Amino acid sequence: MRPQNLSNVLSKMLKDLGLAETAKKYEAITRWEEIVGEQVAAVTIPERVSHGTLVIKVTSSVWKYELTMRKQEILQKIHQVTGSLEVKDIQWK
């Protein structure tokens, strides 16, 4: 048997168990800095995904306003990076 890349093995296992889409929506949390960049990641904390909504804690009201204005852009980036449409909304708190 040939050695396999762990990432490929995990991806196949999640798919076989029917958990691939569930895992994809959590990528928005685990890859948050890649999605929004270092500056935004420094002032936000991704908390959870609940019923298609990604909940993000924001350190200030100024940033909360800025991110609210950029919500659609960030959602598109989430879909692009994760390859999934599981996250349908973002709640800033």
PDB file of N, CA and C in Angstrom:
ATOM      1  N   MET A   1       0.833  -1.186   0.000  1.00  0.00           N
ATOM      2  CA  MET A   1       0.000   0.000   0.000  1.00  0.00           C
ATOM      3  C   MET A   1       0.877   1.248   0.000  1.00  0.00           C
ATOM      4  N   ARG A   2       0.540   2.178  -0.857  1.00  0.00           N
ATOM      5  CA  ARG A   2       1.295   3.416  -1.024  1.00  0.00           C
ATOM      6  C   ARG A   2       0.969   4.423   0.073  1.00  0.00           C
ATOM      7  N   PRO A   3       1.959   5.152   0.605  1.00  0.00           N
ATOM      8  CA  PRO A   3       1.676   6.204   1.584  1.00  0.00           C
ATOM      9  C   PRO A   3       0.784   7.286   0.961  1.00  0.00           C
ATOM     10  N   GLN A   4      -0.116   7.818   1.781  1.00  0.00           N
ATOM     11  CA  GLN A   4      -1.024   8.851   1.290  1.00  0.00           C
ATOM     12  C   GLN A   4      -0.907  10.110   2.132  1.00  0.00           C
ATOM     13  N   ASN A   5      -1.220  11.216   1.524  1.00  0.00           N
ATOM     14  CA  ASN A   5      -1.230  12.506   2.193  1.00  0.00           C
ATOM     15  C   ASN A   5      -2.353  12.496   3.237  1.00  0.00           C
ATOM     16  N   LEU A   6      -2.067  12.929   4.468  1.00  0.00           N
ATOM     17  CA  LEU A   6      -3.052  12.918   5.546  1.00  0.00           C
ATOM     18  C   LEU A   6      -4.274  13.755   5.191  1.00  0.00           C
ATOM     19  N   SER A   7      -4.072  14.875   4.533  1.00  0.00           N
ATOM     20  CA  SER A   7      -5.180  15.735   4.119  1.00  0.00           C
ATOM     21  C   SER A   7      -6.146  14.980   3.207  1.00  0.00           C
ATOM     22  N   ASN A   8      -5.599  14.211   2.276  1.00  0.00           N
ATOM     23  CA  ASN A   8      -6.434  13.431   1.361  1.00  0.00           C
ATOM     24  C   ASN A   8      -7.193  12.334   2.097  1.00  0.00           C
ATOM     25  N   VAL A   9      -6.536  11.687   3.032  1.00  0.00           N
ATOM     26  CA  VAL A   9      -7.169  10.625   3.813  1.00  0.00           C
ATOM     27  C   VAL A   9      -8.321  11.202   4.634  1.00  0.00           C
ATOM     28  N   LEU A  10      -8.086  12.335   5.309  1.00  0.00           N
ATOM     29  CA  LEU A  10      -9.138  12.963   6.111  1.00  0.00           C
ATOM     30  C   LEU A  10     -10.304  13.425   5.240  1.00  0.00           C
ATOM     31  N   SER A  11     -10.016  14.002   4.098  1.00  0.00           N
ATOM     32  CA  SER A  11     -11.072  14.451   3.191  1.00  0.00           C
ATOM     33  C   SER A  11     -11.942  13.287   2.754  1.00  0.00           C
ATOM     34  N   LYS A  12     -11.310  12.184   2.396  1.00  0.00           N
ATOM     35  CA  LYS A  12     -12.059  10.994   1.969  1.00  0.00           C
ATOM     36  C   LYS A  12     -12.887  10.434   3.121  1.00  0.00           C
ATOM     37  N   MET A  13     -12.302  10.396   4.310  1.00  0.00           N
ATOM     38  CA  MET A  13     -13.011   9.870   5.475  1.00  0.00           C
ATOM     39  C   MET A  13     -14.244  10.729   5.785  1.00  0.00           C
ATOM     40  N   LEU A  14     -14.094  12.046   5.778  1.00  0.00           N
ATOM     41  CA  LEU A  14     -15.230  12.935   6.037  1.00  0.00           C
ATOM     42  C   LEU A  14     -16.325  12.748   4.986  1.00  0.00           C
ATOM     43  N   LYS A  15     -15.910  12.595   3.741  1.00  0.00           N
ATOM     44  CA  LYS A  15     -16.876  12.387   2.659  1.00  0.00           C
ATOM     45  C   LYS A  15     -17.605  11.059   2.854  1.00  0.00           C
ATOM     46  N   ASP A  16     -16.848  10.002   3.167  1.00  0.00           N
ATOM     47  CA  ASP A  16     -17.449   8.679   3.382  1.00  0.00           C
ATOM     48  C   ASP A  16     -18.438   8.683   4.541  1.00  0.00           C
ATOM     49  N   LEU A  17     -18.168   9.493   5.549  1.00  0.00           N
ATOM     50  CA  LEU A  17     -19.048   9.567   6.723  1.00  0.00           C
ATOM     51  C   LEU A  17     -20.190  10.568   6.537  1.00  0.00           C
ATOM     52  N   GLY A  18     -20.206  11.245   5.387  1.00  0.00           N
ATOM     53  CA  GLY A  18     -21.254  12.229   5.128  1.00  0.00           C
ATOM     54  C   GLY A  18     -21.055  13.524   5.897  1.00  0.00           C
ATOM     55  N   LEU A  19     -19.820  13.802   6.296  1.00  0.00           N
ATOM     56  CA  LEU A  19     -19.536  14.988   7.100  1.00  0.00           C
ATOM     57  C   LEU A  19     -18.753  16.061   6.344  1.00  0.00           C
ATOM     58  N   ALA A  20     -18.551  15.858   5.069  1.00  0.00           N
ATOM     59  CA  ALA A  20     -17.717  16.795   4.298  1.00  0.00           C
ATOM     60  C   ALA A  20     -18.300  18.204   4.302  1.00  0.00           C
ATOM     61  N   GLU A  21     -19.601  18.350   4.060  1.00  0.00           N
ATOM     62  CA  GLU A  21     -20.205  19.685   4.037  1.00  0.00           C
ATOM     63  C   GLU A  21     -20.183  20.326   5.416  1.00  0.00           C
ATOM     64  N   THR A  22     -20.409  19.532   6.458  1.00  0.00           N
ATOM     65  CA  THR A  22     -20.357  20.058   7.821  1.00  0.00           C
ATOM     66  C   THR A  22     -18.960  20.580   8.124  1.00  0.00           C
ATOM     67  N   ALA A  23     -17.957  19.827   7.752  1.00  0.00           N
ATOM     68  CA  ALA A  23     -16.574  20.252   7.973  1.00  0.00           C
ATOM     69  C   ALA A  23     -16.268  21.523   7.182  1.00  0.00           C
ATOM     70  N   LYS A  24     -16.800  21.622   5.965  1.00  0.00           N
ATOM     71  CA  LYS A  24     -16.552  22.793   5.123  1.00  0.00           C
ATOM     72  C   LYS A  24     -17.030  24.079   5.788  1.00  0.00           C
ATOM     73  N   LYS A  25     -18.199  24.050   6.439  1.00  0.00           N
ATOM     74  CA  LYS A  25     -18.698  25.295   7.027  1.00  0.00           C
ATOM     75  C   LYS A  25     -17.810  25.757   8.179  1.00  0.00           C
ATOM     76  N   TYR A  26     -17.134  24.818   8.852  1.00  0.00           N
ATOM     77  CA  TYR A  26     -16.230  25.210   9.937  1.00  0.00           C
ATOM     78  C   TYR A  26     -14.900  25.740   9.424  1.00  0.00           C
ATOM     79  N   GLU A  27     -14.633  25.546   8.142  1.00  0.00           N
ATOM     80  CA  GLU A  27     -13.424  26.129   7.552  1.00  0.00           C
ATOM     81  C   GLU A  27     -13.460  27.648   7.624  1.00  0.00           C
ATOM     82  N   ALA A  28     -14.651  28.225   7.636  1.00  0.00           N
ATOM     83  CA  ALA A  28     -14.765  29.679   7.758  1.00  0.00           C
ATOM     84  C   ALA A  28     -14.149  30.143   9.074  1.00  0.00           C
ATOM     85  N   ILE A  29     -14.208  29.302  10.099  1.00  0.00           N
ATOM     86  CA  ILE A  29     -13.598  29.624  11.394  1.00  0.00           C
ATOM     87  C   ILE A  29     -12.103  29.329  11.368  1.00  0.00           C
ATOM     88  N   THR A  30     -11.756  28.145  10.918  1.00  0.00           N
ATOM     89  CA  THR A  30     -10.351  27.738  10.969  1.00  0.00           C
ATOM     90  C   THR A  30      -9.471  28.498   9.979  1.00  0.00           C
ATOM     91  N   ARG A  31     -10.072  29.048   8.928  1.00  0.00           N
ATOM     92  CA  ARG A  31      -9.303  29.785   7.916  1.00  0.00           C
ATOM     93  C   ARG A  31      -9.658  31.268   7.912  1.00  0.00           C
ATOM     94  N   TRP A  32     -10.186  31.764   9.040  1.00  0.00           N
ATOM     95  CA  TRP A  32     -10.659  33.144   9.146  1.00  0.00           C
ATOM     96  C   TRP A  32      -9.600  34.171   8.730  1.00  0.00           C
ATOM     97  N   GLU A  33      -8.378  34.042   9.242  1.00  0.00           N
ATOM     98  CA  GLU A  33      -7.332  35.015   8.901  1.00  0.00           C
ATOM     99  C   GLU A  33      -7.038  35.012   7.406  1.00  0.00           C
ATOM    100  N   GLU A  34      -7.028  33.857   6.807  1.00  0.00           N
ATOM    101  CA  GLU A  34      -6.807  33.754   5.358  1.00  0.00           C
ATOM    102  C   GLU A  34      -7.943  34.449   4.595  1.00  0.00           C
ATOM    103  N   ILE A  35      -9.157  34.357   5.108  1.00  0.00           N
ATOM    104  CA  ILE A  35     -10.326  34.943   4.459  1.00  0.00           C
ATOM    105  C   ILE A  35     -10.332  36.462   4.561  1.00  0.00           C
ATOM    106  N   VAL A  36     -10.103  36.991   5.763  1.00  0.00           N
ATOM    107  CA  VAL A  36     -10.242  38.438   5.977  1.00  0.00           C
ATOM    108  C   VAL A  36      -8.928  39.205   6.037  1.00  0.00           C
ATOM    109  N   GLY A  37      -7.831  38.518   6.174  1.00  0.00           N
ATOM    110  CA  GLY A  37      -6.542  39.186   6.279  1.00  0.00           C
ATOM    111  C   GLY A  37      -6.136  39.416   7.725  1.00  0.00           C
ATOM    112  N   GLU A  38      -4.876  39.692   7.911  1.00  0.00           N
ATOM    113  CA  GLU A  38      -4.280  39.825   9.246  1.00  0.00           C
ATOM    114  C   GLU A  38      -4.885  40.972  10.051  1.00  0.00           C
ATOM    115  N   GLN A  39      -5.109  42.116   9.407  1.00  0.00           N
ATOM    116  CA  GLN A  39      -5.610  43.296  10.113  1.00  0.00           C
ATOM    117  C   GLN A  39      -7.005  43.054  10.695  1.00  0.00           C
ATOM    118  N   VAL A  40      -7.925  42.519   9.899  1.00  0.00           N
ATOM    119  CA  VAL A  40      -9.284  42.252  10.382  1.00  0.00           C
ATOM    120  C   VAL A  40      -9.275  41.097  11.383  1.00  0.00           C
ATOM    121  N   ALA A  41      -8.478  40.085  11.117  1.00  0.00           N
ATOM    122  CA  ALA A  41      -8.402  38.943  12.039  1.00  0.00           C
ATOM    123  C   ALA A  41      -7.927  39.376  13.428  1.00  0.00           C
ATOM    124  N   ALA A  42      -7.116  40.423  13.484  1.00  0.00           N
ATOM    125  CA  ALA A  42      -6.588  40.905  14.763  1.00  0.00           C
ATOM    126  C   ALA A  42      -7.665  41.556  15.627  1.00  0.00           C
ATOM    127  N   VAL A  43      -8.771  41.995  15.021  1.00  0.00           N
ATOM    128  CA  VAL A  43      -9.826  42.686  15.777  1.00  0.00           C
ATOM    129  C   VAL A  43     -11.136  41.894  15.816  1.00  0.00           C
ATOM    130  N   THR A  44     -11.078  40.637  15.386  1.00  0.00           N
ATOM    131  CA  THR A  44     -12.268  39.792  15.368  1.00  0.00           C
ATOM    132  C   THR A  44     -11.950  38.403  15.912  1.00  0.00           C
ATOM    133  N   ILE A  45     -12.991  37.740  16.415  1.00  0.00           N
ATOM    134  CA  ILE A  45     -12.852  36.361  16.883  1.00  0.00           C
ATOM    135  C   ILE A  45     -14.036  35.562  16.351  1.00  0.00           C
ATOM    136  N   PRO A  46     -13.777  34.627  15.429  1.00  0.00           N
ATOM    137  CA  PRO A  46     -14.871  33.780  14.956  1.00  0.00           C
ATOM    138  C   PRO A  46     -15.280  32.827  16.082  1.00  0.00           C
ATOM    139  N   GLU A  47     -16.570  32.797  16.407  1.00  0.00           N
ATOM    140  CA  GLU A  47     -17.036  32.007  17.544  1.00  0.00           C
ATOM    141  C   GLU A  47     -17.699  30.694  17.156  1.00  0.00           C
ATOM    142  N   ARG A  48     -18.629  30.754  16.187  1.00  0.00           N
ATOM    143  CA  ARG A  48     -19.360  29.525  15.844  1.00  0.00           C
ATOM    144  C   ARG A  48     -20.110  29.716  14.533  1.00  0.00           C
ATOM    145  N   VAL A  49     -20.580  28.597  13.993  1.00  0.00           N
ATOM    146  CA  VAL A  49     -21.498  28.602  12.856  1.00  0.00           C
ATOM    147  C   VAL A  49     -22.777  27.967  13.357  1.00  0.00           C
ATOM    148  N   SER A  50     -23.882  28.699  13.236  1.00  0.00           N
ATOM    149  CA  SER A  50     -25.162  28.210  13.727  1.00  0.00           C
ATOM    150  C   SER A  50     -26.240  28.462  12.680  1.00  0.00           C
ATOM    151  N   HIS A  51     -26.851  27.404  12.191  1.00  0.00           N
ATOM    152  CA  HIS A  51     -27.930  27.507  11.201  1.00  0.00           C
ATOM    153  C   HIS A  51     -27.525  28.356  10.000  1.00  0.00           C
ATOM    154  N   GLY A  52     -26.311  28.153   9.500  1.00  0.00           N
ATOM    155  CA  GLY A  52     -25.831  28.870   8.327  1.00  0.00           C
ATOM    156  C   GLY A  52     -25.297  30.266   8.592  1.00  0.00           C
ATOM    157  N   THR A  53     -25.279  30.682   9.874  1.00  0.00           N
ATOM    158  CA  THR A  53     -24.780  32.008  10.226  1.00  0.00           C
ATOM    159  C   THR A  53     -23.459  31.892  10.986  1.00  0.00           C
ATOM    160  N   LEU A  54     -22.457  32.575  10.493  1.00  0.00           N
ATOM    161  CA  LEU A  54     -21.159  32.645  11.151  1.00  0.00           C
ATOM    162  C   LEU A  54     -21.209  33.798  12.147  1.00  0.00           C
ATOM    163  N   VAL A  55     -20.946  33.496  13.416  1.00  0.00           N
ATOM    164  CA  VAL A  55     -20.997  34.510  14.470  1.00  0.00           C
ATOM    165  C   VAL A  55     -19.569  34.958  14.777  1.00  0.00           C
ATOM    166  N   ILE A  56     -19.354  36.275  14.673  1.00  0.00           N
ATOM    167  CA  ILE A  56     -18.027  36.849  14.851  1.00  0.00           C
ATOM    168  C   ILE A  56     -18.074  37.917  15.940  1.00  0.00           C
ATOM    169  N   LYS A  57     -17.196  37.805  16.922  1.00  0.00           N
ATOM    170  CA  LYS A  57     -17.057  38.844  17.949  1.00  0.00           C
ATOM    171  C   LYS A  57     -16.101  39.907  17.405  1.00  0.00           C
ATOM    172  N   VAL A  58     -16.502  41.174  17.550  1.00  0.00           N
ATOM    173  CA  VAL A  58     -15.708  42.295  17.041  1.00  0.00           C
ATOM    174  C   VAL A  58     -15.293  43.167  18.223  1.00  0.00           C
ATOM    175  N   THR A  59     -14.049  43.633  18.226  1.00  0.00           N
ATOM    176  CA  THR A  59     -13.510  44.351  19.387  1.00  0.00           C
ATOM    177  C   THR A  59     -14.019  45.777  19.542  1.00  0.00           C
ATOM    178  N   SER A  60     -14.556  46.393  18.481  1.00  0.00           N
ATOM    179  CA  SER A  60     -15.028  47.775  18.619  1.00  0.00           C
ATOM    180  C   SER A  60     -16.210  48.033  17.695  1.00  0.00           C
ATOM    181  N   SER A  61     -16.999  49.025  18.050  1.00  0.00           N
ATOM    182  CA  SER A  61     -18.168  49.381  17.239  1.00  0.00           C
ATOM    183  C   SER A  61     -17.744  49.955  15.886  1.00  0.00           C
ATOM    184  N   VAL A  62     -16.606  50.604  15.845  1.00  0.00           N
ATOM    185  CA  VAL A  62     -16.104  51.150  14.575  1.00  0.00           C
ATOM    186  C   VAL A  62     -15.819  50.010  13.600  1.00  0.00           C
ATOM    187  N   TRP A  63     -15.137  48.991  14.078  1.00  0.00           N
ATOM    188  CA  TRP A  63     -14.870  47.820  13.242  1.00  0.00           C
ATOM    189  C   TRP A  63     -16.155  47.088  12.887  1.00  0.00           C
ATOM    190  N   LYS A  64     -17.075  47.007  13.826  1.00  0.00           N
ATOM    191  CA  LYS A  64     -18.358  46.338  13.562  1.00  0.00           C
ATOM    192  C   LYS A  64     -19.067  47.027  12.395  1.00  0.00           C
ATOM    193  N   TYR A  65     -19.084  48.349  12.395  1.00  0.00           N
ATOM    194  CA  TYR A  65     -19.703  49.104  11.303  1.00  0.00           C
ATOM    195  C   TYR A  65     -18.986  48.825   9.978  1.00  0.00           C
ATOM    196  N   GLU A  66     -17.677  48.912   9.993  1.00  0.00           N
ATOM    197  CA  GLU A  66     -16.876  48.673   8.783  1.00  0.00           C
ATOM    198  C   GLU A  66     -17.149  47.282   8.212  1.00  0.00           C
ATOM    199  N   LEU A  67     -17.161  46.282   9.083  1.00  0.00           N
ATOM    200  CA  LEU A  67     -17.365  44.904   8.624  1.00  0.00           C
ATOM    201  C   LEU A  67     -18.798  44.673   8.151  1.00  0.00           C
ATOM    202  N   THR A  68     -19.750  45.353   8.752  1.00  0.00           N
ATOM    203  CA  THR A  68     -21.143  45.266   8.293  1.00  0.00           C
ATOM    204  C   THR A  68     -21.242  45.755   6.853  1.00  0.00           C
ATOM    205  N   MET A  69     -20.525  46.808   6.540  1.00  0.00           N
ATOM    206  CA  MET A  69     -20.521  47.353   5.179  1.00  0.00           C
ATOM    207  C   MET A  69     -19.853  46.391   4.187  1.00  0.00           C
ATOM    208  N   ARG A  70     -18.955  45.557   4.676  1.00  0.00           N
ATOM    209  CA  ARG A  70     -18.195  44.630   3.821  1.00  0.00           C
ATOM    210  C   ARG A  70     -18.721  43.193   3.875  1.00  0.00           C
ATOM    211  N   LYS A  71     -19.896  42.989   4.483  1.00  0.00           N
ATOM    212  CA  LYS A  71     -20.419  41.634   4.710  1.00  0.00           C
ATOM    213  C   LYS A  71     -20.495  40.796   3.432  1.00  0.00           C
ATOM    214  N   GLN A  72     -21.067  41.339   2.364  1.00  0.00           N
ATOM    215  CA  GLN A  72     -21.218  40.561   1.119  1.00  0.00           C
ATOM    216  C   GLN A  72     -19.862  40.173   0.537  1.00  0.00           C
ATOM    217  N   GLU A  73     -18.924  41.094   0.580  1.00  0.00           N
ATOM    218  CA  GLU A  73     -17.558  40.819   0.099  1.00  0.00           C
ATOM    219  C   GLU A  73     -16.929  39.673   0.901  1.00  0.00           C
ATOM    220  N   ILE A  74     -17.104  39.705   2.216  1.00  0.00           N
ATOM    221  CA  ILE A  74     -16.524  38.671   3.084  1.00  0.00           C
ATOM    222  C   ILE A  74     -17.231  37.335   2.868  1.00  0.00           C
ATOM    223  N   LEU A  75     -18.545  37.355   2.695  1.00  0.00           N
ATOM    224  CA  LEU A  75     -19.270  36.107   2.404  1.00  0.00           C
ATOM    225  C   LEU A  75     -18.771  35.480   1.105  1.00  0.00           C
ATOM    226  N   GLN A  76     -18.566  36.295   0.077  1.00  0.00           N
ATOM    227  CA  GLN A  76     -18.035  35.779  -1.191  1.00  0.00           C
ATOM    228  C   GLN A  76     -16.672  35.144  -0.994  1.00  0.00           C
ATOM    229  N   LYS A  77     -15.836  35.784  -0.202  1.00  0.00           N
ATOM    230  CA  LYS A  77     -14.492  35.260   0.065  1.00  0.00           C
ATOM    231  C   LYS A  77     -14.585  33.937   0.842  1.00  0.00           C
ATOM    232  N   ILE A  78     -15.515  33.845   1.800  1.00  0.00           N
ATOM    233  CA  ILE A  78     -15.725  32.590   2.534  1.00  0.00           C
ATOM    234  C   ILE A  78     -16.087  31.482   1.553  1.00  0.00           C
ATOM    235  N   HIS A  79     -17.018  31.758   0.657  1.00  0.00           N
ATOM    236  CA  HIS A  79     -17.445  30.751  -0.320  1.00  0.00           C
ATOM    237  C   HIS A  79     -16.293  30.347  -1.239  1.00  0.00           C
ATOM    238  N   GLN A  80     -15.494  31.322  -1.626  1.00  0.00           N
ATOM    239  CA  GLN A  80     -14.349  31.061  -2.507  1.00  0.00           C
ATOM    240  C   GLN A  80     -13.303  30.203  -1.795  1.00  0.00           C
ATOM    241  N   VAL A  81     -12.947  30.556  -0.581  1.00  0.00           N
ATOM    242  CA  VAL A  81     -11.890  29.853   0.155  1.00  0.00           C
ATOM    243  C   VAL A  81     -12.329  28.457   0.588  1.00  0.00           C
ATOM    244  N   THR A  82     -13.575  28.331   1.070  1.00  0.00           N
ATOM    245  CA  THR A  82     -14.036  27.033   1.589  1.00  0.00           C
ATOM    246  C   THR A  82     -14.594  26.118   0.508  1.00  0.00           C
ATOM    247  N   GLY A  83     -14.985  26.697  -0.616  1.00  0.00           N
ATOM    248  CA  GLY A  83     -15.604  25.877  -1.663  1.00  0.00           C
ATOM    249  C   GLY A  83     -16.998  25.410  -1.270  1.00  0.00           C
ATOM    250  N   SER A  84     -17.624  26.108  -0.337  1.00  0.00           N
ATOM    251  CA  SER A  84     -18.932  25.725   0.172  1.00  0.00           C
ATOM    252  C   SER A  84     -19.822  26.949   0.333  1.00  0.00           C
ATOM    253  N   LEU A  85     -21.127  26.743   0.159  1.00  0.00           N
ATOM    254  CA  LEU A  85     -22.104  27.813   0.359  1.00  0.00           C
ATOM    255  C   LEU A  85     -22.845  27.638   1.675  1.00  0.00           C
ATOM    256  N   GLU A  86     -22.310  26.815   2.575  1.00  0.00           N
ATOM    257  CA  GLU A  86     -22.955  26.520   3.863  1.00  0.00           C
ATOM    258  C   GLU A  86     -23.140  27.770   4.723  1.00  0.00           C
ATOM    259  N   VAL A  87     -22.163  28.674   4.702  1.00  0.00           N
ATOM    260  CA  VAL A  87     -22.288  29.916   5.472  1.00  0.00           C
ATOM    261  C   VAL A  87     -23.049  30.913   4.612  1.00  0.00           C
ATOM    262  N   LYS A  88     -24.245  31.269   5.073  1.00  0.00           N
ATOM    263  CA  LYS A  88     -25.128  32.141   4.292  1.00  0.00           C
ATOM    264  C   LYS A  88     -25.212  33.565   4.845  1.00  0.00           C
ATOM    265  N   ASP A  89     -24.766  33.759   6.089  1.00  0.00           N
ATOM    266  CA  ASP A  89     -24.864  35.070   6.716  1.00  0.00           C
ATOM    267  C   ASP A  89     -23.745  35.217   7.756  1.00  0.00           C
ATOM    268  N   ILE A  90     -23.483  36.447   8.135  1.00  0.00           N
ATOM    269  CA  ILE A  90     -22.505  36.734   9.192  1.00  0.00           C
ATOM    270  C   ILE A  90     -23.184  37.631  10.216  1.00  0.00           C
ATOM    271  N   GLN A  91     -23.032  37.280  11.460  1.00  0.00           N
ATOM    272  CA  GLN A  91     -23.544  38.123  12.555  1.00  0.00           C
ATOM    273  C   GLN A  91     -22.350  38.692  13.300  1.00  0.00           C
ATOM    274  N   TRP A  92     -22.264  40.001  13.375  1.00  0.00           N
ATOM    275  CA  TRP A  92     -21.185  40.681  14.094  1.00  0.00           C
ATOM    276  C   TRP A  92     -21.698  41.014  15.487  1.00  0.00           C
ATOM    277  N   LYS A  93     -20.940  40.681  16.513  1.00  0.00           N
ATOM    278  CA  LYS A  93     -21.387  41.032  17.868  1.00  0.00           C
ATOM    279  C   LYS A  93     -20.267  41.583  18.701  1.00  0.00           C
TER     280      LYS A  93
END
